[in-house]
């Protein structure tokens, strides 16, 4: 009886570890998708603004692309810090 409880305890512990790894993987996968979305939308908006307001140096695309990368990095850093506090 004692061996059965011990085995069940080990199985439960293993299941919890696998579940935690899967949750971490899912959280970081979501962060990556959101990061790509922020950068993609910023770049797309910059390209469209450059098409609508033509200029020689594609300022809107450059500014919005760079801004979206910075915004995405700030977003990722904040999510990682918040996740580490949990």
C-alpha atoms as a PDB file:
ATOM      1  CA  UNK A   1       0.000   0.000   0.000  1.00  0.00           C
ATOM      2  CA  UNK A   2       2.836   2.358   0.892  1.00  0.00           C
ATOM      3  CA  UNK A   3       4.630   1.670  -2.428  1.00  0.00           C
ATOM      4  CA  UNK A   4       1.417   2.442  -4.312  1.00  0.00           C
ATOM      5  CA  UNK A   5       1.066   5.842  -2.577  1.00  0.00           C
ATOM      6  CA  UNK A   6       4.744   6.605  -3.171  1.00  0.00           C
ATOM      7  CA  UNK A   7       4.439   5.761  -6.898  1.00  0.00           C
ATOM      8  CA  UNK A   8       1.255   7.823  -7.159  1.00  0.00           C
ATOM      9  CA  UNK A   9       3.036  10.752  -5.487  1.00  0.00           C
ATOM     10  CA  UNK A  10       5.948  10.501  -7.940  1.00  0.00           C
ATOM     11  CA  UNK A  11       3.551  10.322 -10.903  1.00  0.00           C
ATOM     12  CA  UNK A  12       1.685  13.369  -9.624  1.00  0.00           C
ATOM     13  CA  UNK A  13       4.956  15.278  -9.176  1.00  0.00           C
ATOM     14  CA  UNK A  14       6.067  14.344 -12.707  1.00  0.00           C
ATOM     15  CA  UNK A  15       2.697  15.421 -14.115  1.00  0.00           C
ATOM     16  CA  UNK A  16       2.931  18.803 -12.342  1.00  0.00           C
ATOM     17  CA  UNK A  17       6.463  19.383 -13.705  1.00  0.00           C
ATOM     18  CA  UNK A  18       5.339  18.574 -17.257  1.00  0.00           C
ATOM     19  CA  UNK A  19       2.311  20.833 -16.882  1.00  0.00           C
ATOM     20  CA  UNK A  20       4.503  23.695 -15.633  1.00  0.00           C
ATOM     21  CA  UNK A  21       6.915  23.286 -18.574  1.00  0.00           C
ATOM     22  CA  UNK A  22       4.022  23.279 -21.009  1.00  0.00           C
ATOM     23  CA  UNK A  23       2.543  26.421 -19.436  1.00  0.00           C
ATOM     24  CA  UNK A  24       5.903  28.180 -19.691  1.00  0.00           C
ATOM     25  CA  UNK A  25       6.253  27.131 -23.327  1.00  0.00           C
ATOM     26  CA  UNK A  26       2.741  28.370 -24.116  1.00  0.00           C
ATOM     27  CA  UNK A  27       3.348  31.694 -22.358  1.00  0.00           C
ATOM     28  CA  UNK A  28       6.575  32.397 -24.258  1.00  0.00           C
ATOM     29  CA  UNK A  29       5.052  31.263 -27.563  1.00  0.00           C
ATOM     30  CA  UNK A  30       2.262  33.775 -27.028  1.00  0.00           C
ATOM     31  CA  UNK A  31       4.780  36.510 -26.285  1.00  0.00           C
ATOM     32  CA  UNK A  32       6.641  35.759 -29.541  1.00  0.00           C
ATOM     33  CA  UNK A  33       3.424  35.899 -31.571  1.00  0.00           C
ATOM     34  CA  UNK A  34       2.467  39.218 -29.965  1.00  0.00           C
ATOM     35  CA  UNK A  35       5.955  40.587 -30.613  1.00  0.00           C
ATOM     36  CA  UNK A  36       5.739  39.699 -34.309  1.00  0.00           C
ATOM     37  CA  UNK A  37       2.259  41.234 -34.481  1.00  0.00           C
ATOM     38  CA  UNK A  38       3.433  44.544 -32.950  1.00  0.00           C
ATOM     39  CA  UNK A  39       6.427  44.787 -35.291  1.00  0.00           C
ATOM     40  CA  UNK A  40       4.384  43.707 -38.317  1.00  0.00           C
ATOM     41  CA  UNK A  41       1.587  46.188 -37.692  1.00  0.00           C
ATOM     42  CA  UNK A  42       4.043  49.031 -37.072  1.00  0.00           C
ATOM     43  CA  UNK A  43       5.970  48.290 -40.248  1.00  0.00           C
ATOM     44  CA  UNK A  44       2.788  47.862 -42.297  1.00  0.00           C
ATOM     45  CA  UNK A  45       1.431  51.180 -41.025  1.00  0.00           C
ATOM     46  CA  UNK A  46       4.720  52.911 -41.890  1.00  0.00           C
ATOM     47  CA  UNK A  47       4.738  51.516 -45.428  1.00  0.00           C
ATOM     48  CA  UNK A  48       1.115  52.526 -45.986  1.00  0.00           C
ATOM     49  CA  UNK A  49       1.771  56.040 -44.661  1.00  0.00           C
ATOM     50  CA  UNK A  50       4.741  56.352 -47.012  1.00  0.00           C
ATOM     51  CA  UNK A  51       2.491  55.319 -49.900  1.00  0.00           C
ATOM     52  CA  UNK A  52      -0.168  57.845 -48.887  1.00  0.00           C
ATOM     53  CA  UNK A  53       2.286  60.678 -48.090  1.00  0.00           C
ATOM     54  CA  UNK A  54       5.239  60.106 -50.468  1.00  0.00           C
ATOM     55  CA  UNK A  55       8.672  61.353 -49.433  1.00  0.00           C
ATOM     56  CA  UNK A  56      12.253  60.725 -50.534  1.00  0.00           C
ATOM     57  CA  UNK A  57      13.530  58.738 -47.565  1.00  0.00           C
ATOM     58  CA  UNK A  58      10.585  56.573 -46.405  1.00  0.00           C
ATOM     59  CA  UNK A  59      10.540  58.335 -43.033  1.00  0.00           C
ATOM     60  CA  UNK A  60       7.241  56.838 -41.862  1.00  0.00           C
ATOM     61  CA  UNK A  61       8.352  53.272 -42.501  1.00  0.00           C
ATOM     62  CA  UNK A  62      11.678  53.825 -40.764  1.00  0.00           C
ATOM     63  CA  UNK A  63      10.229  55.634 -37.758  1.00  0.00           C
ATOM     64  CA  UNK A  64       7.280  53.300 -37.231  1.00  0.00           C
ATOM     65  CA  UNK A  65       9.383  50.167 -37.772  1.00  0.00           C
ATOM     66  CA  UNK A  66      11.963  51.255 -35.235  1.00  0.00           C
ATOM     67  CA  UNK A  67       9.270  52.411 -32.802  1.00  0.00           C
ATOM     68  CA  UNK A  68       7.421  49.119 -33.087  1.00  0.00           C
ATOM     69  CA  UNK A  69      10.614  47.135 -32.410  1.00  0.00           C
ATOM     70  CA  UNK A  70      11.279  49.219 -29.290  1.00  0.00           C
ATOM     71  CA  UNK A  71       7.652  48.841 -28.190  1.00  0.00           C
ATOM     72  CA  UNK A  72       7.793  45.076 -28.734  1.00  0.00           C
ATOM     73  CA  UNK A  73      11.006  44.785 -26.686  1.00  0.00           C
ATOM     74  CA  UNK A  74       9.503  46.806 -23.835  1.00  0.00           C
ATOM     75  CA  UNK A  75       6.398  44.611 -23.987  1.00  0.00           C
ATOM     76  CA  UNK A  76       8.463  41.407 -23.844  1.00  0.00           C
ATOM     77  CA  UNK A  77      10.624  42.643 -20.970  1.00  0.00           C
ATOM     78  CA  UNK A  78       7.559  43.673 -18.955  1.00  0.00           C
ATOM     79  CA  UNK A  79       5.855  40.317 -19.580  1.00  0.00           C
ATOM     80  CA  UNK A  80       8.970  38.384 -18.551  1.00  0.00           C
ATOM     81  CA  UNK A  81       9.350  40.425 -15.362  1.00  0.00           C
ATOM     82  CA  UNK A  82       5.658  39.953 -14.546  1.00  0.00           C
ATOM     83  CA  UNK A  83       5.959  36.215 -15.243  1.00  0.00           C
ATOM     84  CA  UNK A  84       8.981  35.840 -12.986  1.00  0.00           C
ATOM     85  CA  UNK A  85       7.084  37.414 -10.069  1.00  0.00           C
ATOM     86  CA  UNK A  86       4.341  34.765 -10.273  1.00  0.00           C
END
